[in-house]
Amino acid sequence: MEYFLLVVGLVVLVAGAEALVRGASKLAASVGISPLVIGLTVVAFGTSAPEMAVSTIAGLAGQADIALGNVVGSNIFNILLILGLSALVAPLVISEQLIRIDVPLMILVSVVTYLFALNGVISPSEGFLLFSGIMLYTAFLVWQSRRENKAVQEEYAREYGKKEPLSIKAVIKDLILISGGLGMLVLGSKWLVDGAVFVAHKLGVSDLVIGLTIVAAGTSLPELATSVVASIRGERDIAVGNIVGSNLFNLMAVLGLAGIVSPDGIAVSSSAIRFDLPVMVVVAIVCLPIFFTGNRISRGEGGLLLGGYITYTTWLVMTAVAA
């Protein structure tokens, strides 16, 4: 039964994220929010909604390793596997803003998260600081969008839709999609967490490893679908923007909220401090030189990223088997 819950929970989670992103995107467009802001916030953050649901539920249930492993594993998965796979499909163009602002910010937040974790716990106050960061970042994106050139505005309009006439019927439909998506996220995340914990205990694998692999990969499926499709369509840096935005949301909003709702904060295991968190930081730092080389991610660099994920996952599995 628990194995069934694991699979069904994952399916419901992805379907809920899709409904949430679609409803929120259409609602935002209909009320006149900038297409660029929709792309960098509603869509990028919306694809991280599964991580938010899973880590919050796990935090409330006292399953700190699932909450932390989900975020750390998702960020590693996003960069190494999703960007690597997307670049193999077609070389990815990188915008100047990502190189100058968003990627350095991702590196900074990754380092700060690691420093917070060094004492073995991400406290509620540290969670609040992280969560405050996403508010400031979103406000910055709104301000930044007003300075974007017309070409960039038109690109995001093609991807996420131009402003549509506002109607009560359309708004109600979008709100139903959003509400249904949120409900599916909560339900799916609970099933996924319960199933993952059962599988971990059954196989003798730690909650952290399950969080870093099965749960992290499962909750990152929306990012995978969005970025690979954007790469196939040849959309300018949407694939990359989605990943960077999602990683920032994971660290500041997902981990921040999980830390806030957990009475004693998120406990961080010594193995995560020694290995997984440093890997997350290194992976974020590696993005900068790769992005700088011609403002693009080549197929060769995509292959290296993908190889890095295979190596990391192999190490996790071998370590878990040897334990």
Protein backbone atom coordinates (compact mmCIF):
# COMPACT_ATOMS: atom_id res chain seq x y z
CA MET A 1 0.00 0.00 0.00
CA GLU A 2 2.82 2.40 0.88
CA TYR A 3 4.52 1.77 -2.47
CA PHE A 4 1.23 2.62 -4.16
CA LEU A 5 1.00 5.82 -2.07
CA LEU A 6 4.52 6.78 -3.20
CA VAL A 7 3.64 6.51 -6.89
CA VAL A 8 0.15 8.03 -6.63
CA GLY A 9 1.44 10.82 -4.41
CA LEU A 10 4.05 11.71 -7.04
CA VAL A 11 1.45 11.74 -9.85
CA VAL A 12 -0.99 13.87 -7.83
CA LEU A 13 1.87 16.21 -6.86
CA VAL A 14 2.92 16.86 -10.48
CA ALA A 15 -0.70 17.26 -11.63
CA GLY A 16 -1.35 19.71 -8.80
CA ALA A 17 1.70 21.77 -9.73
CA GLU A 18 0.58 21.89 -13.36
CA ALA A 19 -2.91 23.10 -12.36
CA LEU A 20 -1.46 25.69 -9.99
CA VAL A 21 1.01 27.09 -12.54
CA ARG A 22 -1.58 27.20 -15.33
CA GLY A 23 -4.23 28.90 -13.19
CA ALA A 24 -1.84 31.39 -11.61
CA SER A 25 -0.23 32.28 -14.95
CA LYS A 26 -3.57 32.94 -16.65
CA LEU A 27 -4.88 34.93 -13.68
CA ALA A 28 -1.72 37.04 -13.51
CA ALA A 29 -1.83 37.72 -17.25
CA SER A 30 -5.53 38.65 -17.16
CA VAL A 31 -5.00 41.28 -14.45
CA GLY A 32 -2.10 42.83 -16.34
CA ILE A 33 0.98 41.58 -14.48
CA SER A 34 4.11 41.78 -16.62
CA PRO A 35 4.79 38.59 -18.64
CA LEU A 36 8.41 38.75 -17.45
CA VAL A 37 7.33 38.75 -13.80
CA ILE A 38 4.96 35.85 -14.55
CA GLY A 39 7.84 33.87 -16.03
CA LEU A 40 10.35 34.51 -13.27
CA THR A 41 7.98 34.28 -10.32
CA VAL A 42 4.66 32.52 -10.93
CA VAL A 43 6.09 29.87 -13.27
CA ALA A 44 9.55 29.42 -11.73
CA PHE A 45 8.16 29.44 -8.20
CA GLY A 46 5.09 27.47 -9.23
CA THR A 47 7.22 24.60 -10.47
CA SER A 48 8.78 24.55 -6.98
CA ALA A 49 5.37 24.21 -5.34
CA PRO A 50 5.86 20.42 -4.89
CA GLU A 51 9.09 21.07 -2.96
CA MET A 52 7.23 23.63 -0.82
CA ALA A 53 4.40 21.20 -0.06
CA VAL A 54 6.66 18.23 0.67
CA SER A 55 9.17 20.07 2.87
CA THR A 56 6.46 21.92 4.82
CA ILE A 57 4.54 18.70 5.49
CA ALA A 58 7.78 16.92 6.43
CA GLY A 59 8.80 19.83 8.69
CA LEU A 60 5.45 19.75 10.49
CA ALA A 61 5.78 15.97 10.90
CA GLY A 62 9.27 16.30 12.35
CA GLN A 63 10.90 14.53 9.39
CA ALA A 64 13.81 16.95 9.06
CA ASP A 65 15.92 14.77 6.76
CA ILE A 66 13.12 14.59 4.18
CA ALA A 67 12.53 18.37 4.41
CA LEU A 68 16.23 19.21 3.99
CA GLY A 69 17.11 16.43 1.56
CA ASN A 70 14.23 17.45 -0.71
CA VAL A 71 15.56 21.02 -1.04
CA VAL A 72 19.26 20.17 -1.33
CA GLY A 73 18.63 17.25 -3.68
CA SER A 74 16.25 19.30 -5.84
CA ASN A 75 18.79 22.10 -6.28
CA ILE A 76 21.51 19.62 -7.29
CA PHE A 77 19.06 17.79 -9.58
CA ASN A 78 17.91 21.07 -11.18
CA ILE A 79 21.37 22.23 -12.19
CA LEU A 80 23.20 19.00 -12.98
CA LEU A 81 20.44 16.89 -14.54
CA ILE A 82 17.86 19.36 -15.85
CA LEU A 83 20.27 21.99 -17.22
CA GLY A 84 22.57 19.24 -18.46
CA LEU A 85 19.74 17.46 -20.27
CA SER A 86 18.30 20.72 -21.63
CA ALA A 87 21.72 21.75 -23.00
CA LEU A 88 22.11 18.37 -24.69
CA VAL A 89 18.79 18.99 -26.46
CA ALA A 90 19.99 22.43 -27.63
CA PRO A 91 22.73 24.80 -26.39
CA LEU A 92 21.22 27.26 -23.90
CA VAL A 93 21.60 31.03 -24.20
CA ILE A 94 22.27 32.84 -20.91
CA SER A 95 21.05 36.40 -20.32
CA GLU A 96 23.27 39.07 -18.82
CA GLN A 97 20.92 39.51 -15.87
CA LEU A 98 21.32 35.87 -14.88
CA ILE A 99 25.12 36.16 -14.95
CA ARG A 100 25.28 39.52 -13.17
CA ILE A 101 22.51 39.13 -10.58
CA ASP A 102 20.57 35.88 -10.28
CA VAL A 103 23.38 33.29 -10.36
CA PRO A 104 25.61 35.23 -7.90
CA LEU A 105 22.54 35.54 -5.66
CA MET A 106 21.95 31.78 -5.91
CA ILE A 107 25.56 31.18 -4.89
CA LEU A 108 25.28 33.64 -1.97
CA VAL A 109 22.06 32.08 -0.65
CA SER A 110 23.55 28.57 -1.00
CA VAL A 111 26.58 29.62 1.08
CA VAL A 112 24.39 31.34 3.68
CA THR A 113 22.22 28.21 3.97
CA TYR A 114 25.34 26.11 4.49
CA LEU A 115 26.59 28.49 7.20
CA PHE A 116 23.19 28.37 8.92
CA ALA A 117 23.38 24.55 8.91
CA LEU A 118 26.87 24.26 10.40
CA ASN A 119 25.58 24.18 14.00
CA GLY A 120 23.34 21.20 13.15
CA VAL A 121 20.01 23.02 12.85
CA ILE A 122 18.32 25.66 10.72
CA SER A 123 16.39 27.50 13.41
CA PRO A 124 12.97 29.15 13.01
CA SER A 125 14.66 32.59 13.11
CA GLU A 126 17.06 31.56 10.33
CA GLY A 127 14.09 30.16 8.42
CA PHE A 128 12.41 33.54 8.77
CA LEU A 129 15.50 35.31 7.41
CA LEU A 130 15.54 32.98 4.40
CA PHE A 131 11.82 33.47 3.81
CA SER A 132 12.22 37.27 4.02
CA GLY A 133 14.81 36.98 1.28
CA ILE A 134 12.28 35.62 -1.23
CA MET A 135 10.02 38.60 -0.55
CA LEU A 136 12.86 41.02 -1.32
CA TYR A 137 13.88 39.04 -4.40
CA THR A 138 10.33 39.04 -5.78
CA ALA A 139 10.03 42.79 -5.17
CA PHE A 140 13.32 43.24 -7.05
CA LEU A 141 12.04 41.20 -10.00
CA VAL A 142 8.92 43.36 -10.24
CA TRP A 143 11.08 46.50 -10.24
CA GLN A 144 13.55 44.97 -12.69
CA SER A 145 10.80 43.93 -15.12
CA ARG A 146 9.86 47.56 -15.68
CA ARG A 147 13.35 48.19 -17.03
CA GLU A 148 13.40 45.27 -19.48
CA ASN A 149 13.54 46.04 -23.17
CA LYS A 150 10.63 45.39 -25.50
CA ALA A 151 12.19 42.29 -27.08
CA VAL A 152 12.43 40.51 -23.70
CA GLN A 153 8.86 41.49 -22.83
CA GLU A 154 7.61 40.08 -26.13
CA GLU A 155 9.54 36.83 -25.60
CA TYR A 156 7.90 36.15 -22.26
CA ALA A 157 4.56 37.18 -23.71
CA ARG A 158 4.94 34.47 -26.38
CA GLU A 159 5.77 31.86 -23.73
CA TYR A 160 3.22 32.74 -21.04
CA GLY A 161 0.54 34.63 -22.90
CA LYS A 162 -0.35 38.28 -23.43
CA LYS A 163 -2.89 40.07 -21.32
CA GLU A 164 -6.37 38.72 -21.92
CA PRO A 165 -9.70 40.49 -21.36
CA LEU A 166 -10.70 40.24 -17.71
CA SER A 167 -13.95 38.37 -17.09
CA ILE A 168 -15.61 36.98 -13.95
CA LYS A 169 -15.96 33.57 -15.61
CA ALA A 170 -12.26 33.42 -16.47
CA VAL A 171 -11.23 34.55 -12.98
CA ILE A 172 -13.45 31.91 -11.32
CA LYS A 173 -12.01 29.24 -13.62
CA ASP A 174 -8.45 30.29 -12.76
CA LEU A 175 -9.22 30.36 -9.03
CA ILE A 176 -10.68 26.85 -9.26
CA LEU A 177 -7.49 25.68 -10.99
CA ILE A 178 -5.35 27.33 -8.31
CA SER A 179 -7.43 25.95 -5.43
CA GLY A 180 -7.55 22.47 -6.96
CA GLY A 181 -3.81 22.57 -7.62
CA LEU A 182 -3.04 23.57 -4.03
CA GLY A 183 -5.30 20.81 -2.69
CA MET A 184 -3.62 18.22 -4.89
CA LEU A 185 -0.20 19.47 -3.79
CA VAL A 186 -1.03 19.06 -0.11
CA LEU A 187 -2.58 15.61 -0.60
CA GLY A 188 0.09 14.39 -3.01
CA SER A 189 2.93 15.62 -0.82
CA LYS A 190 1.56 13.80 2.23
CA TRP A 191 1.24 10.55 0.28
CA LEU A 192 4.71 11.00 -1.22
CA VAL A 193 6.36 11.70 2.15
CA ASP A 194 4.57 8.80 3.87
CA GLY A 195 5.46 6.42 1.04
CA ALA A 196 9.09 7.61 0.88
CA VAL A 197 9.61 7.22 4.64
CA PHE A 198 8.16 3.69 4.50
CA VAL A 199 10.39 2.72 1.55
CA ALA A 200 13.44 4.19 3.30
CA HIS A 201 12.83 2.20 6.45
CA LYS A 202 11.93 -0.95 4.52
CA LEU A 203 15.16 -0.84 2.49
CA GLY A 204 17.27 0.29 5.41
CA VAL A 205 18.11 3.54 3.60
CA SER A 206 18.15 6.80 5.55
CA ASP A 207 15.43 9.43 5.18
CA LEU A 208 18.13 11.85 3.98
CA VAL A 209 19.15 9.65 1.03
CA ILE A 210 15.50 9.11 0.05
CA GLY A 211 14.92 12.87 0.29
CA LEU A 212 18.02 13.59 -1.80
CA THR A 213 17.06 11.12 -4.55
CA ILE A 214 13.48 9.85 -4.95
CA VAL A 215 11.67 12.78 -3.34
CA ALA A 216 13.97 15.43 -4.82
CA ALA A 217 13.74 13.99 -8.33
CA GLY A 218 9.97 13.55 -8.04
CA THR A 219 9.28 17.09 -6.87
CA SER A 220 11.58 18.47 -9.60
CA LEU A 221 9.58 16.92 -12.46
CA PRO A 222 7.75 20.22 -13.19
CA GLU A 223 11.12 22.01 -13.59
CA LEU A 224 12.34 19.17 -15.81
CA ALA A 225 9.31 19.37 -18.07
CA THR A 226 9.37 23.18 -18.26
CA SER A 227 13.08 23.51 -19.04
CA VAL A 228 13.31 20.65 -21.56
CA VAL A 229 10.23 21.89 -23.45
CA ALA A 230 11.61 25.45 -23.45
CA SER A 231 14.91 24.12 -24.79
CA ILE A 232 13.16 22.16 -27.56
CA ARG A 233 11.19 25.28 -28.51
CA GLY A 234 14.37 27.34 -28.65
CA GLU A 235 13.07 29.86 -26.11
CA ARG A 236 15.73 32.39 -25.03
CA ASP A 237 17.12 31.47 -21.55
CA ILE A 238 13.68 30.50 -20.18
CA ALA A 239 15.04 27.03 -19.41
CA VAL A 240 17.88 28.52 -17.37
CA GLY A 241 15.80 31.25 -15.73
CA ASN A 242 13.29 28.65 -14.55
CA ILE A 243 16.03 26.61 -12.85
CA VAL A 244 17.81 29.55 -11.20
CA GLY A 245 14.51 31.01 -9.99
CA SER A 246 13.37 27.62 -8.69
CA ASN A 247 16.65 27.06 -6.81
CA LEU A 248 16.36 30.45 -5.14
CA PHE A 249 12.75 29.70 -4.20
CA ASN A 250 13.74 26.28 -2.81
CA LEU A 251 16.35 27.74 -0.50
CA MET A 252 14.59 30.89 0.65
CA ALA A 253 10.89 30.03 0.53
CA VAL A 254 10.75 26.22 0.84
CA LEU A 255 13.53 25.70 3.39
CA GLY A 256 12.68 28.99 5.08
CA LEU A 257 9.04 28.05 5.60
CA ALA A 258 9.94 24.51 6.69
CA GLY A 259 12.27 26.02 9.30
CA ILE A 260 9.57 28.40 10.50
CA VAL A 261 6.84 25.76 10.94
CA SER A 262 9.15 23.25 12.63
CA PRO A 263 8.98 23.92 16.40
CA ASP A 264 12.68 23.17 16.90
CA GLY A 265 13.81 24.12 13.41
CA ILE A 266 15.20 21.75 10.76
CA ALA A 267 17.81 19.40 12.19
CA VAL A 268 20.78 18.94 9.83
CA SER A 269 22.63 15.62 9.92
CA SER A 270 26.42 15.50 10.03
CA SER A 271 26.51 13.68 6.68
CA ALA A 272 24.56 16.51 5.03
CA ILE A 273 26.98 19.07 6.50
CA ARG A 274 30.02 17.09 5.39
CA PHE A 275 28.91 16.16 1.88
CA ASP A 276 25.50 17.10 0.44
CA LEU A 277 25.36 20.79 1.39
CA PRO A 278 28.96 21.41 0.16
CA VAL A 279 28.04 19.64 -3.12
CA MET A 280 25.03 21.97 -3.48
CA VAL A 281 27.28 25.01 -2.95
CA VAL A 282 29.94 23.76 -5.39
CA VAL A 283 27.29 23.00 -8.04
CA ALA A 284 25.93 26.55 -7.69
CA ILE A 285 29.45 28.04 -7.99
CA VAL A 286 30.24 25.91 -11.07
CA CYS A 287 27.36 27.62 -12.88
CA LEU A 288 29.19 30.95 -13.04
CA PRO A 289 32.23 29.96 -15.15
CA ILE A 290 30.06 27.74 -17.38
CA PHE A 291 27.57 30.58 -17.97
CA PHE A 292 30.38 33.06 -18.59
CA THR A 293 31.86 31.08 -21.50
CA GLY A 294 30.14 32.72 -24.43
CA ASN A 295 26.95 33.39 -22.43
CA ARG A 296 25.75 29.91 -23.24
CA ILE A 297 25.76 26.29 -22.05
CA SER A 298 27.12 24.12 -24.84
CA ARG A 299 26.22 20.48 -25.43
CA GLY A 300 29.63 19.47 -24.11
CA GLU A 301 29.08 21.42 -20.89
CA GLY A 302 25.60 19.91 -20.65
CA GLY A 303 27.16 16.47 -20.88
CA LEU A 304 29.58 17.34 -18.06
CA LEU A 305 26.71 18.52 -15.86
CA LEU A 306 24.74 15.34 -16.56
CA GLY A 307 27.82 13.24 -15.82
CA GLY A 308 28.19 15.09 -12.52
CA TYR A 309 24.67 14.12 -11.49
CA ILE A 310 25.22 10.47 -12.40
CA THR A 311 28.43 10.49 -10.33
CA TYR A 312 26.71 12.14 -7.35
CA THR A 313 23.74 9.75 -7.40
CA THR A 314 26.04 6.73 -7.78
CA TRP A 315 28.00 7.88 -4.74
CA LEU A 316 24.80 8.25 -2.70
CA VAL A 317 23.60 4.77 -3.64
CA MET A 318 27.00 3.13 -2.98
CA THR A 319 27.27 4.88 0.39
CA ALA A 320 23.74 3.82 1.34
CA VAL A 321 24.40 0.19 0.35
CA ALA A 322 27.70 0.11 2.22
CA ALA A 323 26.16 1.56 5.39
